[in-house]
Every structure is written in structure tokens, then in C-alpha cells.
Amino acid sequence: MKNLLLLFLALSASSVCKSQWIKQTVTTEASFRSVHAVNADIVWAGGTKGTVITLNAGQSWEVFQVKGAEALDFRDIHAFDGKSAVAMSAGDSDKGAAKIYKTIDGGNNWELVFQTDLKGVFFDGIDFWDAKNGIAFSDPIGGKFYLMGTDDGGQTWKKIESETLPETKEGEAAFAASGTSLVTVGKNSVFICTGGSETGRIFRSNDRGINWTVVETPIKAGKTTGLFGLRFWDEYNGIAVGGDYQNVNLAGNNVLITSDGGEVWKEVAPTQPEGLKEGVILFQKKVLVTVGPSGTSYSKDFGKSWIEIDRSSFHAISTAGKNIWAVGGKGNIARLDIKILK
């Protein structure tokens, strides 16, 4: 009897956990690694096969396949409102996969605003400080990250020349996993997190990519390991998460916190469940929520401790208003039942 009761309680707990994410009905089998919530009712996500989805007015999801991008994987997307968005594809430039598209009519039509066949370009992330000014970056070429900037809302892009950009170490690069290996902060700052070498590092610029510094972090890295995602909630305080994409359940330290604008990064408690985390958000200035192939965790004490939500696999996460959205493989788009965070 006792064993039956324990089994019942275990099954009930499992059922409750699985219900925390409210799966959305979206008619696509594309896999998604980028999502951007503009507000509580407008959400954009980018995925494989040139797929972009939008939630308009909080009512229903629309699915678009960008013409000419059917073979591309949109690993990052930045939306300005319900009509305008910029989508970046990750892939080898010499195979025609390094492109940026823009829409101004809600996704019905897309303009190819940038492409390059420069060998070595592989875009990892894109972000904006405001409606006009943004930055994108690629894996290193000749030992340095390839940076581009825009001052017209992503309509045109120019290479950013930086004499102070530190050289990358052998094997070092960024992971185009969640659209958050690069993030802008405030009016001028931008951060890039890396893996692939001995330790995860974080690059920082306070003048929109002209001058840079880099700091070593305590997170170990390797060919498939390092830092995958960043998030700041003001110009001083931020978080970085990571792990190993070939061993997504590998236990170990996978979270860093900074309180001085990225000069020093300190390890805090590993997430629960442990393992690879790719994206992270701060919900209503109170609760950290992080996702990855190993599951979802939240923290009410800024990383000192973590609580498991469930083991659903997601790659990217975004929040606006009272909603938290996450995306993953095979058309997996879901909204978190935020009651679990209270």
C-alpha cells in the first residue's frame, strides 16, 4: 500500500510538472532556436526551413516561410513591433547561409537586406539598442570576431572595425543556440559569450562595438562546451548560462553572475535540473528562469539556489509583461504557467 501511494504521488508530481508549459498549437514541424516577445501579445520566433512564426494580438499563431530562405535556419530574430522584425540565419557563408532578412508588414513579405560569401562568416547573434541601432556578429575570421552594425533599423549593415577587439583563442567561438550569445545592454553596451577553448570568456564593449575588453570566467569550456546565453537586467547585473551540447545532462557549474557590469563573473549554484542551459530571462525583475535541452529551472534569489520546473527541452526563452515563452525542436512553442513561480 505504501509503495502504491508513493507511486501515485510520483506520477502526480510528474503530471503536474509536465503541465507547467502550455504547448501552443502551431502548424509547423520547424525547429526553433530564437524567440522575441515584444509585449504580452506580440511574439516572434525564427526556425529551420526559413520559418518565422508570429503571435499577433495574443490571438493566434501565423506561420511564414521566407521566400528564398527555404534552406536556411533562423537562429536569431529581433522584433520591433507586430509589423517589423529582422531575422538572421546561421550557416556557412560560402554555402549561401549567412543572410539577414527584414519584414515591415508582419511577416507577409521579407527583404534580403544583407548577405555575404566571405569565407568563414557564420552568424551567431543579433541585437538592437533601440529601433535604429543594432549589432550582429559571426564566428572569428583570422582570429577575431566579425562584427557588423546598423543605424537604420537593420535595413543596411556595415562591418565594424575595432582595433581593440581581442583575438580569440584556438577553437574559441560562440554558440548559435538561443539567440543570446550576444546581447545589448542600455544605450551603448554589448556582450558576447564564448566556448570552444579552455574556458568560457565574455567580451564587452561600452561604445557599441568600437572598443572591447575580454574576461576569463570560471566556466570550463571545450569543443562542445562553454557559455551559451546571456541576459542583463540593468547595466551592472547580469547572468550567463552554459554547458555541453553533446552531453546535455552533464552535471557541473553552468551559471555565472555579474554585479559590476561584466568585469567580474562569479559562479553560483548549478541549475536544477543540471546540464546544458542555453537561454535565460529575468521575469518581472524578481525570478530568473533558464531553459535548455536538460530542462527548465527558476531561481528567486538570483542564482543562489534553483528549483526544477520540469525536464522539457527548449532552446530559447523570452518574456514580456505577464508571459514567458520558450521554443525548441519540431514545432515546440510553449507558454509557461507562471503560477509555479509564485
Protein backbone atom coordinates (compact mmCIF):
# COMPACT_ATOMS: atom_id res chain seq x y z
CA MET A 1 0.00 0.00 0.00
CA LYS A 2 2.79 2.38 0.93
CA ASN A 3 4.58 1.62 -2.33
CA LEU A 4 1.37 2.24 -4.29
CA LEU A 5 0.89 5.57 -2.51
CA LEU A 6 4.48 6.61 -3.29
CA LEU A 7 3.99 5.62 -6.92
CA PHE A 8 0.77 7.64 -7.09
CA LEU A 9 2.45 10.70 -5.61
CA ALA A 10 5.37 10.37 -8.02
CA LEU A 11 3.07 10.09 -11.02
CA SER A 12 1.01 13.03 -9.81
CA ALA A 13 4.11 15.17 -9.38
CA SER A 14 5.29 14.18 -12.86
CA SER A 15 1.92 15.11 -14.31
CA VAL A 16 1.97 18.50 -12.58
CA CYS A 17 5.48 19.23 -13.84
CA LYS A 18 4.54 18.40 -17.41
CA SER A 19 1.60 20.77 -17.27
CA GLN A 20 3.69 23.82 -16.35
CA TRP A 21 4.40 24.54 -20.02
CA ILE A 22 1.27 25.21 -22.08
CA LYS A 23 2.03 23.96 -25.57
CA GLN A 24 0.87 26.19 -28.40
CA THR A 25 -0.96 24.99 -31.48
CA VAL A 26 1.28 25.96 -34.39
CA THR A 27 1.13 24.22 -37.76
CA THR A 28 4.83 23.66 -38.35
CA GLU A 29 7.45 20.99 -37.73
CA ALA A 30 10.30 23.50 -37.92
CA SER A 31 12.78 23.60 -35.05
CA PHE A 32 13.25 26.93 -33.28
CA ARG A 33 16.25 28.50 -31.53
CA SER A 34 15.18 32.13 -31.39
CA VAL A 35 12.20 33.89 -29.86
CA HIS A 36 11.44 37.54 -29.07
CA ALA A 37 8.43 38.72 -27.11
CA VAL A 38 7.75 42.39 -27.88
CA ASN A 39 4.94 42.63 -25.36
CA ALA A 40 2.36 40.33 -23.77
CA ASP A 41 0.51 39.87 -27.07
CA ILE A 42 3.20 40.04 -29.79
CA VAL A 43 5.80 37.27 -30.14
CA TRP A 44 8.13 36.32 -32.99
CA ALA A 45 10.24 33.16 -33.41
CA GLY A 46 12.69 32.00 -36.07
CA GLY A 47 13.49 28.44 -37.09
CA THR A 48 14.61 25.94 -39.69
CA LYS A 49 13.45 25.78 -43.31
CA GLY A 50 13.27 29.57 -43.41
CA THR A 51 10.36 29.54 -40.97
CA VAL A 52 9.16 32.50 -38.94
CA ILE A 53 6.11 32.42 -36.69
CA THR A 54 4.25 35.29 -35.07
CA LEU A 55 1.62 35.67 -32.38
CA ASN A 56 -0.47 38.73 -33.13
CA ALA A 57 -2.71 40.44 -30.59
CA GLY A 58 -2.41 37.37 -28.37
CA GLN A 59 -4.91 35.50 -30.51
CA SER A 60 -3.41 33.03 -32.99
CA TRP A 61 -0.09 31.98 -34.46
CA GLU A 62 0.79 32.64 -38.08
CA VAL A 63 3.45 30.64 -39.91
CA PHE A 64 5.58 32.13 -42.71
CA GLN A 65 8.23 30.55 -44.89
CA VAL A 66 10.54 33.28 -46.10
CA LYS A 67 10.82 33.17 -49.88
CA GLY A 68 14.34 32.23 -50.96
CA ALA A 69 15.26 31.11 -47.43
CA GLU A 70 13.76 27.62 -47.52
CA ALA A 71 17.13 26.02 -46.74
CA LEU A 72 18.10 28.47 -44.00
CA ASP A 73 17.98 28.26 -40.21
CA PHE A 74 16.98 31.48 -38.47
CA ARG A 75 18.97 31.26 -35.23
CA ASP A 76 18.18 34.77 -34.05
CA ILE A 77 15.30 37.20 -34.51
CA HIS A 78 14.69 40.71 -33.25
CA ALA A 79 11.24 42.25 -33.46
CA PHE A 80 10.37 45.93 -33.11
CA ASP A 81 6.58 45.58 -33.06
CA GLY A 82 3.86 43.47 -34.66
CA LYS A 83 4.88 44.53 -38.16
CA SER A 84 8.67 44.86 -38.21
CA ALA A 85 11.35 42.26 -37.45
CA VAL A 86 14.85 41.22 -38.52
CA ALA A 87 15.81 37.54 -38.85
CA MET A 88 19.39 36.22 -39.02
CA SER A 89 20.35 32.86 -40.50
CA ALA A 90 23.25 30.81 -39.15
CA GLY A 91 25.30 28.76 -41.55
CA ASP A 92 28.40 28.77 -43.73
CA SER A 93 28.66 31.91 -45.83
CA ASP A 94 30.32 30.13 -48.75
CA LYS A 95 27.24 27.90 -48.92
CA GLY A 96 24.88 30.88 -49.06
CA ALA A 97 23.69 30.62 -45.46
CA ALA A 98 24.92 33.91 -43.95
CA LYS A 99 21.96 36.21 -44.51
CA ILE A 100 19.76 38.77 -42.78
CA TYR A 101 16.13 39.43 -43.76
CA LYS A 102 13.70 42.14 -42.71
CA THR A 103 9.92 42.45 -42.80
CA ILE A 104 7.79 45.55 -42.28
CA ASP A 105 4.36 44.02 -42.95
CA GLY A 106 4.01 41.43 -40.21
CA GLY A 107 5.92 38.67 -41.99
CA ASN A 108 3.99 38.50 -45.25
CA ASN A 109 6.96 39.80 -47.23
CA TRP A 110 10.67 39.71 -46.43
CA GLU A 111 13.55 41.65 -47.93
CA LEU A 112 17.06 40.22 -48.05
CA VAL A 113 18.97 43.14 -46.51
CA PHE A 114 22.39 41.52 -46.11
CA GLN A 115 24.30 38.53 -47.45
CA THR A 116 27.95 37.62 -47.79
CA ASP A 117 30.01 34.81 -49.24
CA LEU A 118 33.14 35.84 -47.33
CA LYS A 119 34.63 32.53 -46.26
CA GLY A 120 34.46 31.92 -42.52
CA VAL A 121 31.39 34.01 -41.76
CA PHE A 122 28.90 32.09 -39.62
CA PHE A 123 26.47 34.35 -37.84
CA ASP A 124 25.79 33.68 -34.14
CA GLY A 125 23.66 36.55 -32.90
CA ILE A 126 21.98 39.88 -33.49
CA ASP A 127 20.53 42.51 -31.13
CA PHE A 128 19.48 46.16 -31.01
CA TRP A 129 19.88 49.01 -28.55
CA ASP A 130 16.86 50.81 -29.98
CA ALA A 131 14.69 50.89 -33.09
CA LYS A 132 17.58 52.13 -35.25
CA ASN A 133 20.89 50.91 -33.85
CA GLY A 134 21.92 47.27 -33.74
CA ILE A 135 24.83 44.85 -33.98
CA ALA A 136 25.43 41.36 -35.35
CA PHE A 137 28.43 39.07 -35.15
CA SER A 138 29.97 35.98 -36.68
CA ASP A 139 32.45 33.34 -35.61
CA PRO A 140 36.07 34.52 -35.83
CA ILE A 141 37.80 35.23 -39.11
CA GLY A 142 41.57 35.48 -38.84
CA GLY A 143 41.41 35.21 -35.09
CA LYS A 144 38.81 37.93 -34.43
CA PHE A 145 35.02 38.04 -34.31
CA TYR A 146 33.43 39.52 -37.42
CA LEU A 147 31.21 42.43 -36.30
CA MET A 148 28.55 44.38 -38.20
CA GLY A 149 26.43 47.36 -37.25
CA THR A 150 23.28 49.09 -38.44
CA ASP A 151 21.87 52.56 -37.74
CA ASP A 152 18.67 52.32 -39.77
CA GLY A 153 16.74 49.54 -38.10
CA GLY A 154 18.54 46.70 -39.87
CA GLN A 155 17.94 47.92 -43.41
CA THR A 156 21.68 48.25 -44.13
CA TRP A 157 24.73 46.75 -42.41
CA LYS A 158 28.40 47.74 -42.30
CA LYS A 159 31.44 45.97 -40.89
CA ILE A 160 32.56 47.38 -37.54
CA GLU A 161 36.29 47.99 -37.48
CA SER A 162 37.76 47.67 -33.99
CA GLU A 163 41.46 47.99 -33.25
CA THR A 164 40.94 46.84 -29.65
CA LEU A 165 38.89 43.71 -30.31
CA PRO A 166 40.83 40.92 -28.54
CA GLU A 167 41.93 37.91 -30.54
CA THR A 168 40.10 34.67 -29.93
CA LYS A 169 41.90 31.63 -28.60
CA GLU A 170 42.37 28.47 -30.62
CA GLY A 171 38.99 26.81 -31.08
CA GLU A 172 37.10 29.69 -29.45
CA ALA A 173 33.77 30.71 -30.95
CA ALA A 174 30.18 31.41 -29.95
CA PHE A 175 27.24 29.02 -29.96
CA ALA A 176 24.32 29.99 -32.21
CA ALA A 177 21.99 28.15 -29.86
CA SER A 178 19.49 30.57 -28.35
CA GLY A 179 19.91 33.97 -29.95
CA THR A 180 21.54 35.24 -26.75
CA SER A 181 25.27 34.63 -27.17
CA LEU A 182 25.27 38.37 -27.96
CA VAL A 183 23.15 40.87 -26.01
CA THR A 184 22.93 44.65 -25.99
CA VAL A 185 22.54 46.47 -22.68
CA GLY A 186 21.42 50.03 -22.00
CA LYS A 187 22.22 52.62 -24.67
CA ASN A 188 25.73 51.54 -25.69
CA SER A 189 26.95 48.27 -24.13
CA VAL A 190 27.16 44.86 -25.77
CA PHE A 191 28.38 41.47 -24.53
CA ILE A 192 29.43 38.24 -26.28
CA CYS A 193 29.89 34.89 -24.52
CA THR A 194 32.04 32.07 -25.88
CA GLY A 195 33.10 28.46 -25.63
CA GLY A 196 35.26 26.10 -27.63
CA SER A 197 38.57 26.84 -25.88
CA GLU A 198 39.82 26.14 -22.33
CA THR A 199 37.37 28.43 -20.51
CA GLY A 200 34.28 30.38 -21.38
CA ARG A 201 35.05 34.04 -21.93
CA ILE A 202 32.92 37.17 -22.11
CA PHE A 203 33.73 40.05 -24.44
CA ARG A 204 32.44 43.52 -23.56
CA SER A 205 32.12 46.85 -25.35
CA ASN A 206 30.69 50.03 -23.83
CA ASP A 207 30.64 52.04 -27.08
CA ARG A 208 28.57 49.91 -29.46
CA GLY A 209 31.37 47.64 -30.59
CA ILE A 210 34.21 50.06 -31.26
CA ASN A 211 36.39 49.20 -28.25
CA TRP A 212 36.44 45.86 -26.44
CA THR A 213 37.78 44.04 -23.42
CA VAL A 214 37.53 40.36 -22.55
CA VAL A 215 37.43 38.48 -19.23
CA GLU A 216 38.12 34.86 -18.39
CA THR A 217 35.36 33.13 -16.46
CA PRO A 218 35.44 30.11 -14.13
CA ILE A 219 33.30 28.07 -16.55
CA LYS A 220 35.26 25.29 -18.22
CA ALA A 221 34.99 25.05 -21.97
CA GLY A 222 35.92 22.73 -24.81
CA LYS A 223 34.94 21.90 -28.35
CA THR A 224 31.27 21.43 -27.38
CA THR A 225 31.20 23.24 -24.05
CA GLY A 226 31.21 26.76 -22.68
CA LEU A 227 28.79 29.66 -22.32
CA PHE A 228 25.65 29.68 -24.47
CA GLY A 229 23.41 32.53 -23.31
CA LEU A 230 23.47 35.93 -21.60
CA ARG A 231 20.94 38.27 -20.02
CA PHE A 232 21.25 41.62 -18.22
CA TRP A 233 18.51 43.36 -16.27
CA ASP A 234 20.43 46.61 -15.91
CA GLU A 235 23.88 47.92 -16.81
CA TYR A 236 25.50 46.26 -13.80
CA ASN A 237 23.72 42.99 -13.16
CA GLY A 238 23.61 40.03 -15.49
CA ILE A 239 23.76 36.26 -15.86
CA ALA A 240 25.43 33.78 -18.19
CA VAL A 241 24.48 30.10 -18.65
CA GLY A 242 26.04 27.18 -20.48
CA GLY A 243 27.04 23.53 -20.53
CA ASP A 244 27.87 20.83 -23.08
CA TYR A 245 25.69 20.32 -26.15
CA GLN A 246 26.95 16.77 -26.70
CA ASN A 247 26.22 15.76 -23.11
CA VAL A 248 23.22 17.89 -22.23
CA ASN A 249 22.64 16.28 -18.80
CA LEU A 250 26.23 16.58 -17.62
CA ALA A 251 26.29 17.88 -14.04
CA GLY A 252 28.52 20.77 -13.06
CA ASN A 253 28.71 24.53 -12.75
CA ASN A 254 26.67 26.15 -15.50
CA VAL A 255 25.71 29.61 -14.18
CA LEU A 256 27.65 32.85 -13.73
CA ILE A 257 26.51 36.15 -12.20
CA THR A 258 27.99 39.64 -12.50
CA SER A 259 27.14 42.72 -10.43
CA ASP A 260 29.74 45.14 -11.78
CA GLY A 261 28.85 45.44 -15.43
CA GLY A 262 30.68 42.32 -16.54
CA GLU A 263 34.14 42.98 -15.14
CA VAL A 264 33.93 40.00 -12.78
CA TRP A 265 31.80 36.87 -13.19
CA LYS A 266 31.21 34.55 -10.24
CA GLU A 267 29.87 31.02 -10.14
CA VAL A 268 26.62 30.47 -8.32
CA ALA A 269 24.62 27.29 -7.74
CA PRO A 270 24.16 24.94 -10.70
CA THR A 271 20.64 24.74 -12.08
CA GLN A 272 18.14 22.05 -11.17
CA PRO A 273 17.93 20.01 -13.27
CA GLU A 274 21.62 20.25 -14.01
CA GLY A 275 23.02 20.18 -17.51
CA LEU A 276 23.05 22.42 -20.54
CA LYS A 277 21.18 25.70 -20.31
CA GLU A 278 21.04 27.87 -23.42
CA GLY A 279 18.71 30.76 -22.63
CA VAL A 280 17.73 32.74 -19.53
CA ILE A 281 15.37 35.60 -18.61
CA LEU A 282 14.50 37.68 -15.56
CA PHE A 283 10.75 37.64 -15.04
CA GLN A 284 9.24 40.86 -13.64
CA LYS A 285 12.56 41.82 -12.03
CA LYS A 286 12.20 39.01 -9.48
CA VAL A 287 12.62 35.48 -10.84
CA LEU A 288 15.30 34.02 -13.10
CA VAL A 289 14.09 31.31 -15.48
CA THR A 290 16.50 29.31 -17.63
CA VAL A 291 15.89 26.69 -20.32
CA GLY A 292 17.89 24.12 -22.22
CA PRO A 293 17.75 20.57 -23.54
CA SER A 294 18.13 19.34 -19.95
CA GLY A 295 15.03 21.12 -18.64
CA THR A 296 13.74 24.32 -17.06
CA SER A 297 14.84 25.90 -13.77
CA TYR A 298 13.94 29.01 -11.81
CA SER A 299 15.60 30.99 -9.04
CA LYS A 300 14.11 33.55 -6.64
CA ASP A 301 17.47 34.52 -5.13
CA PHE A 302 19.41 35.44 -8.26
CA GLY A 303 21.14 32.10 -8.69
CA LYS A 304 22.00 31.18 -5.12
CA SER A 305 19.58 28.27 -5.44
CA TRP A 306 17.48 26.77 -8.23
CA ILE A 307 14.19 24.87 -8.40
CA GLU A 308 13.28 22.43 -11.15
CA ILE A 309 10.15 23.21 -13.15
CA ASP A 310 10.35 20.21 -15.47
CA ARG A 311 12.61 18.46 -17.96
CA SER A 312 11.02 19.73 -21.14
CA SER A 313 13.61 20.53 -23.81
CA PHE A 314 13.78 24.12 -25.06
CA HIS A 315 16.49 26.19 -26.70
CA ALA A 316 15.40 29.82 -26.30
CA ILE A 317 13.24 31.88 -23.97
CA SER A 318 11.76 35.39 -23.91
CA THR A 319 9.43 37.32 -21.64
CA ALA A 320 7.27 40.43 -21.81
CA GLY A 321 4.51 41.53 -19.47
CA LYS A 322 2.99 38.54 -17.70
CA ASN A 323 4.05 35.94 -20.28
CA ILE A 324 7.09 33.71 -20.65
CA TRP A 325 7.63 31.93 -23.97
CA ALA A 326 10.04 29.15 -24.92
CA VAL A 327 10.81 27.40 -28.20
CA GLY A 328 12.52 24.17 -29.17
CA GLY A 329 12.65 21.35 -31.69
CA LYS A 330 9.91 20.09 -34.02
CA GLY A 331 7.50 22.98 -33.70
CA ASN A 332 7.71 23.11 -29.92
CA ILE A 333 6.41 26.51 -28.74
CA ALA A 334 5.04 26.91 -25.24
CA ARG A 335 3.95 29.45 -22.64
CA LEU A 336 4.87 28.95 -19.00
CA ASP A 337 2.10 28.78 -16.43
CA ILE A 338 3.57 31.47 -14.19
CA LYS A 339 1.64 30.30 -11.12
CA ILE A 340 4.55 27.95 -10.44
CA LEU A 341 6.82 30.96 -9.88
CA LYS A 342 4.69 32.45 -7.08
